């Protein structure tokens, strides 16, 4: 089916995926897969003992977990998300499982809502700008939440690097729905490559650090890609990219094929940049 470009979004804030228990579980798995790379970036960006840190678009709080371990008991970690349910679930898990000073606030950052504790020593976002109608405006807002001389860290996907081999029409269709839904909602598949462009357009200096990570895996019985198809499904139907019947059947068909352990996934590449704000 052809992709129909536009600005149609599943939610008023522009988020393209569903907001459901299944999607929240996928977000936790996704976060854990990228945790080693994220922790490496936080270390390189200088997050350390006693600092204050903000995770913008924190979702289930897995980056906050990494931040808390780096800033220690003398530091403070704050998460902000427009979805109160996922943030509250994340905060509950963190306060049960981790020592440290963790906070969560529900806010739409682009409306200028106050974030308690601002400005922060380090502000971070991961897989946030991909979902923004105006990523430059969001970068400006994140910079405003960073103290002068502090650090802004941004990470995002390059979605069109995703490949599965050997070719299978069902697996190829799954990727087509994921990327087609993003493109049809007006979301840039190359967000990770545009981080510096958006940062510079927001008036920030050249980044003083960059990193990139690819992930290659033998697919198994319940790949995160199948969960992503479920998450993108309602929006794909809304855009006319798939039928309800196809979305009902495709994830399980996808799982049945990958359960054989005969396919290799090149996940979307993730890039990161960090830069000093003001000061």
Protein backbone atom coordinates (compact mmCIF):
# COMPACT_ATOMS: atom_id res chain seq x y z
CA UNK A 1 0.00 0.00 0.00
CA UNK A 2 1.31 3.52 -0.73
CA UNK A 3 2.41 5.79 2.09
CA UNK A 4 0.18 8.85 2.43
CA UNK A 5 2.27 11.69 3.95
CA UNK A 6 0.56 13.91 6.47
CA UNK A 7 0.40 15.10 10.05
CA UNK A 8 -2.16 12.57 11.26
CA UNK A 9 -1.20 11.34 14.72
CA UNK A 10 -2.67 8.77 17.07
CA UNK A 11 -2.61 11.31 19.92
CA UNK A 12 -2.94 15.08 20.17
CA UNK A 13 0.71 15.35 21.25
CA UNK A 14 1.91 13.64 18.06
CA UNK A 15 2.82 10.26 19.55
CA UNK A 16 2.28 7.69 16.80
CA UNK A 17 2.14 4.43 18.77
CA UNK A 18 -0.65 3.21 21.01
CA UNK A 19 -0.73 3.80 24.75
CA UNK A 20 -1.53 0.41 26.22
CA UNK A 21 -0.14 -2.15 28.66
CA UNK A 22 1.42 -4.03 25.74
CA UNK A 23 3.12 -0.90 24.45
CA UNK A 24 4.41 0.00 27.91
CA UNK A 25 5.95 -3.48 28.16
CA UNK A 26 7.58 -3.00 24.76
CA UNK A 27 9.03 0.33 25.89
CA UNK A 28 10.70 -1.36 28.88
CA UNK A 29 12.23 -4.04 26.63
CA UNK A 30 13.37 -1.42 24.12
CA UNK A 31 14.96 0.64 26.88
CA UNK A 32 16.81 -2.34 28.27
CA UNK A 33 18.16 -3.26 24.84
CA UNK A 34 19.68 0.20 24.47
CA UNK A 35 20.78 0.60 28.11
CA UNK A 36 24.49 -0.21 27.58
CA UNK A 37 24.78 2.36 24.80
CA UNK A 38 22.77 4.93 26.75
CA UNK A 39 24.94 4.48 29.85
CA UNK A 40 28.06 4.89 27.73
CA UNK A 41 26.71 8.16 26.35
CA UNK A 42 25.74 9.46 29.79
CA UNK A 43 29.26 8.74 31.02
CA UNK A 44 30.87 10.43 28.02
CA UNK A 45 28.59 13.45 28.47
CA UNK A 46 29.87 13.84 32.03
CA UNK A 47 26.95 12.77 34.23
CA UNK A 48 28.38 12.11 37.68
CA UNK A 49 27.99 12.12 41.44
CA UNK A 50 25.77 14.77 42.97
CA UNK A 51 24.40 16.15 39.70
CA UNK A 52 20.78 16.87 38.78
CA UNK A 53 19.43 15.21 35.66
CA UNK A 54 16.21 15.37 33.64
CA UNK A 55 14.91 12.66 31.31
CA UNK A 56 12.46 14.35 28.91
CA UNK A 57 9.90 11.90 27.59
CA UNK A 58 10.99 9.42 30.25
CA UNK A 59 8.42 6.71 29.51
CA UNK A 60 8.82 3.78 31.93
CA UNK A 61 11.91 5.28 33.58
CA UNK A 62 14.74 3.00 32.46
CA UNK A 63 17.05 5.91 31.58
CA UNK A 64 16.25 7.43 34.96
CA UNK A 65 17.51 4.19 36.48
CA UNK A 66 20.87 4.64 34.72
CA UNK A 67 20.99 8.29 35.74
CA UNK A 68 20.30 7.47 39.38
CA UNK A 69 23.20 5.05 39.50
CA UNK A 70 25.52 7.72 38.11
CA UNK A 71 24.46 10.69 40.25
CA UNK A 72 24.29 8.64 43.47
CA UNK A 73 22.42 9.51 46.69
CA UNK A 74 23.54 13.15 46.60
CA UNK A 75 22.09 13.70 43.13
CA UNK A 76 18.52 14.06 41.90
CA UNK A 77 16.83 12.51 38.87
CA UNK A 78 13.60 13.86 37.39
CA UNK A 79 11.47 12.38 34.64
CA UNK A 80 8.89 14.21 32.58
CA UNK A 81 6.34 12.62 30.25
CA UNK A 82 3.05 13.74 28.78
CA UNK A 83 1.59 10.31 29.61
CA UNK A 84 0.94 10.22 33.38
CA UNK A 85 0.26 6.49 33.45
CA UNK A 86 3.58 5.29 32.05
CA UNK A 87 5.52 7.79 34.15
CA UNK A 88 3.79 6.78 37.37
CA UNK A 89 4.44 3.10 36.64
CA UNK A 90 8.09 3.85 36.02
CA UNK A 91 8.48 5.91 39.18
CA UNK A 92 6.88 3.17 41.29
CA UNK A 93 9.33 0.60 39.91
CA UNK A 94 12.33 2.86 40.49
CA UNK A 95 11.39 3.72 44.05
CA UNK A 96 10.95 0.02 44.79
CA UNK A 97 14.07 -1.25 43.05
CA UNK A 98 16.67 1.54 43.23
CA UNK A 99 18.16 3.78 45.90
CA UNK A 100 18.27 7.44 45.00
CA UNK A 101 16.18 10.57 44.70
CA UNK A 102 13.68 10.06 41.85
CA UNK A 103 10.81 12.34 40.80
CA UNK A 104 8.23 12.28 38.01
CA UNK A 105 6.06 15.06 36.62
CA UNK A 106 3.40 15.00 33.95
CA UNK A 107 3.93 17.88 31.53
CA UNK A 108 3.69 18.93 27.91
CA UNK A 109 7.08 20.56 27.54
CA UNK A 110 6.13 22.54 24.45
CA UNK A 111 3.39 24.44 26.27
CA UNK A 112 5.93 25.88 28.69
CA UNK A 113 4.71 24.00 31.74
CA UNK A 114 7.00 24.35 34.74
CA UNK A 115 9.34 21.47 35.51
CA UNK A 116 10.18 21.41 39.24
CA UNK A 117 13.91 21.34 39.88
CA UNK A 118 14.91 23.17 36.69
CA UNK A 119 17.43 24.11 35.51
CA UNK A 120 19.29 20.79 35.48
CA UNK A 121 22.98 19.94 35.15
CA UNK A 122 22.13 17.47 32.37
CA UNK A 123 19.00 17.18 30.24
CA UNK A 124 18.47 14.07 28.16
CA UNK A 125 15.99 12.83 25.58
CA UNK A 126 15.86 9.52 23.73
CA UNK A 127 13.42 8.63 20.93
CA UNK A 128 11.53 11.86 21.66
CA UNK A 129 12.34 14.18 18.76
CA UNK A 130 11.23 11.51 16.27
CA UNK A 131 7.66 12.10 17.49
CA UNK A 132 7.70 15.90 17.41
CA UNK A 133 5.86 18.02 14.84
CA UNK A 134 8.49 20.69 15.57
CA UNK A 135 11.70 19.06 16.86
CA UNK A 136 13.58 22.38 16.82
CA UNK A 137 11.06 23.91 19.22
CA UNK A 138 11.52 20.93 21.52
CA UNK A 139 15.31 21.29 21.44
CA UNK A 140 14.94 24.95 22.41
CA UNK A 141 12.72 23.96 25.32
CA UNK A 142 15.16 21.30 26.50
CA UNK A 143 18.00 23.81 26.29
CA UNK A 144 15.98 26.23 28.44
CA UNK A 145 15.70 23.51 31.09
CA UNK A 146 19.49 23.06 31.15
CA UNK A 147 21.55 25.25 33.45
CA UNK A 148 24.14 27.57 31.84
CA UNK A 149 27.22 25.44 31.29
CA UNK A 150 25.17 22.25 31.59
CA UNK A 151 24.83 19.53 29.00
CA UNK A 152 22.00 18.60 26.65
CA UNK A 153 22.08 15.01 25.36
CA UNK A 154 19.88 13.79 22.49
CA UNK A 155 19.50 10.28 21.10
CA UNK A 156 17.28 9.03 18.30
CA UNK A 157 16.68 6.36 15.70
CA UNK A 158 17.65 6.16 12.06
CA UNK A 159 14.66 3.98 11.26
CA UNK A 160 15.37 3.24 7.62
CA UNK A 161 18.51 1.28 8.50
CA UNK A 162 16.30 -1.58 9.78
CA UNK A 163 16.76 -4.79 7.77
CA UNK A 164 15.87 -8.48 8.19
CA UNK A 165 17.69 -11.25 6.36
CA UNK A 166 17.07 -13.57 4.66
CA UNK A 167 14.11 -11.90 2.98
CA UNK A 168 10.62 -13.06 3.93
CA UNK A 169 7.48 -11.27 2.70
CA UNK A 170 5.78 -11.34 6.11
CA UNK A 171 8.82 -9.87 7.88
CA UNK A 172 9.28 -7.29 5.13
CA UNK A 173 5.63 -6.30 5.49
CA UNK A 174 6.11 -5.74 9.21
CA UNK A 175 8.96 -3.29 8.59
CA UNK A 176 6.94 -1.62 5.83
CA UNK A 177 4.08 -0.98 8.26
CA UNK A 178 6.37 0.42 10.98
CA UNK A 179 8.28 2.81 8.73
CA UNK A 180 5.29 3.57 6.55
CA UNK A 181 3.23 4.57 9.57
CA UNK A 182 5.93 6.91 10.82
CA UNK A 183 6.38 8.47 7.38
CA UNK A 184 2.62 8.72 6.86
CA UNK A 185 2.32 10.62 10.15
CA UNK A 186 5.00 13.05 8.98
CA UNK A 187 7.75 11.65 11.16
CA UNK A 188 11.36 11.67 9.90
CA UNK A 189 12.83 8.21 9.46
CA UNK A 190 16.30 9.79 9.63
CA UNK A 191 15.78 11.59 12.96
CA UNK A 192 19.07 10.30 14.35
CA UNK A 193 20.96 11.90 11.48
CA UNK A 194 19.24 15.25 11.98
CA UNK A 195 20.04 15.80 15.65
CA UNK A 196 22.87 18.25 14.93
CA UNK A 197 20.76 20.06 12.31
CA UNK A 198 17.95 20.57 14.83
CA UNK A 199 20.37 21.52 17.58
CA UNK A 200 22.05 24.17 15.45
CA UNK A 201 18.67 25.49 14.25
CA UNK A 202 17.70 25.88 17.93
CA UNK A 203 20.72 28.17 18.41
CA UNK A 204 23.02 25.73 20.19
CA UNK A 205 26.76 25.42 19.52
CA UNK A 206 28.29 22.54 17.63
CA UNK A 207 28.11 19.27 19.60
CA UNK A 208 31.17 18.42 21.64
CA UNK A 209 30.40 14.72 21.53
CA UNK A 210 28.76 12.18 19.25
CA UNK A 211 28.26 8.42 19.26
CA UNK A 212 26.46 5.75 17.27
CA UNK A 213 25.33 2.20 17.94
CA UNK A 214 23.97 -0.56 15.74
CA UNK A 215 22.49 -3.80 17.02
CA UNK A 216 22.45 -7.16 15.26
CA UNK A 217 20.51 -10.12 16.64
CA UNK A 218 19.16 -13.53 15.70
CA UNK A 219 15.41 -13.09 16.01
CA UNK A 220 13.47 -15.31 18.39
CA UNK A 221 9.90 -16.22 19.35
CA UNK A 222 8.74 -12.78 20.57
CA UNK A 223 10.76 -10.08 18.83
CA UNK A 224 10.23 -6.46 19.82
CA UNK A 225 9.47 -5.82 16.14
CA UNK A 226 6.23 -7.82 16.45
CA UNK A 227 5.30 -5.77 19.51
CA UNK A 228 6.06 -2.61 17.55
CA UNK A 229 3.68 -3.70 14.77
CA UNK A 230 0.97 -4.02 17.43
CA UNK A 231 1.83 -0.57 18.78
CA UNK A 232 1.79 1.06 15.34
CA UNK A 233 -1.28 -0.91 14.27
CA UNK A 234 -4.08 1.55 15.17
CA UNK A 235 -2.25 4.39 13.43
CA UNK A 236 -1.50 2.23 10.36
CA UNK A 237 -5.22 1.48 10.08
CA UNK A 238 -6.07 5.17 10.54
CA UNK A 239 -3.69 6.08 7.71
CA UNK A 240 -5.06 3.40 5.41
CA UNK A 241 -1.75 1.55 5.32
CA UNK A 242 -3.20 -1.70 6.71
CA UNK A 243 -6.55 -3.26 7.48
CA UNK A 244 -7.82 -4.25 10.91
CA UNK A 245 -7.67 -7.88 9.80
CA UNK A 246 -4.02 -7.59 8.75
CA UNK A 247 -2.99 -5.93 12.00
CA UNK A 248 -4.84 -8.62 13.94
CA UNK A 249 -2.97 -11.41 12.11
CA UNK A 250 0.46 -10.01 11.22
CA UNK A 251 2.20 -9.89 14.64
CA UNK A 252 1.53 -13.57 15.35
CA UNK A 253 2.54 -14.55 11.80
CA UNK A 254 5.73 -12.53 12.33
CA UNK A 255 6.42 -14.36 15.62
CA UNK A 256 5.81 -17.78 14.07
CA UNK A 257 8.47 -17.13 11.43
CA UNK A 258 11.09 -15.61 13.76
CA UNK A 259 10.55 -18.38 16.33
CA UNK A 260 12.51 -20.70 14.03
CA UNK A 261 15.65 -18.66 14.77
CA UNK A 262 16.58 -18.40 11.09
CA UNK A 263 16.46 -14.62 10.60
CA UNK A 264 18.88 -11.85 11.48
CA UNK A 265 17.66 -8.37 12.47
CA UNK A 266 19.71 -5.26 11.87
CA UNK A 267 17.86 -2.97 14.28
CA UNK A 268 17.42 0.73 13.53
CA UNK A 269 20.69 2.53 14.19
CA UNK A 270 20.74 4.85 17.22
CA UNK A 271 22.82 8.03 17.27
CA UNK A 272 23.63 10.46 20.06
CA UNK A 273 24.98 14.00 20.32
CA UNK A 274 25.67 16.17 23.35
CA UNK A 275 26.48 19.83 23.67
CA UNK A 276 27.13 22.50 26.30
CA UNK A 277 24.27 24.96 26.76
CA UNK A 278 25.10 28.62 27.40
CA UNK A 279 27.63 29.36 30.09
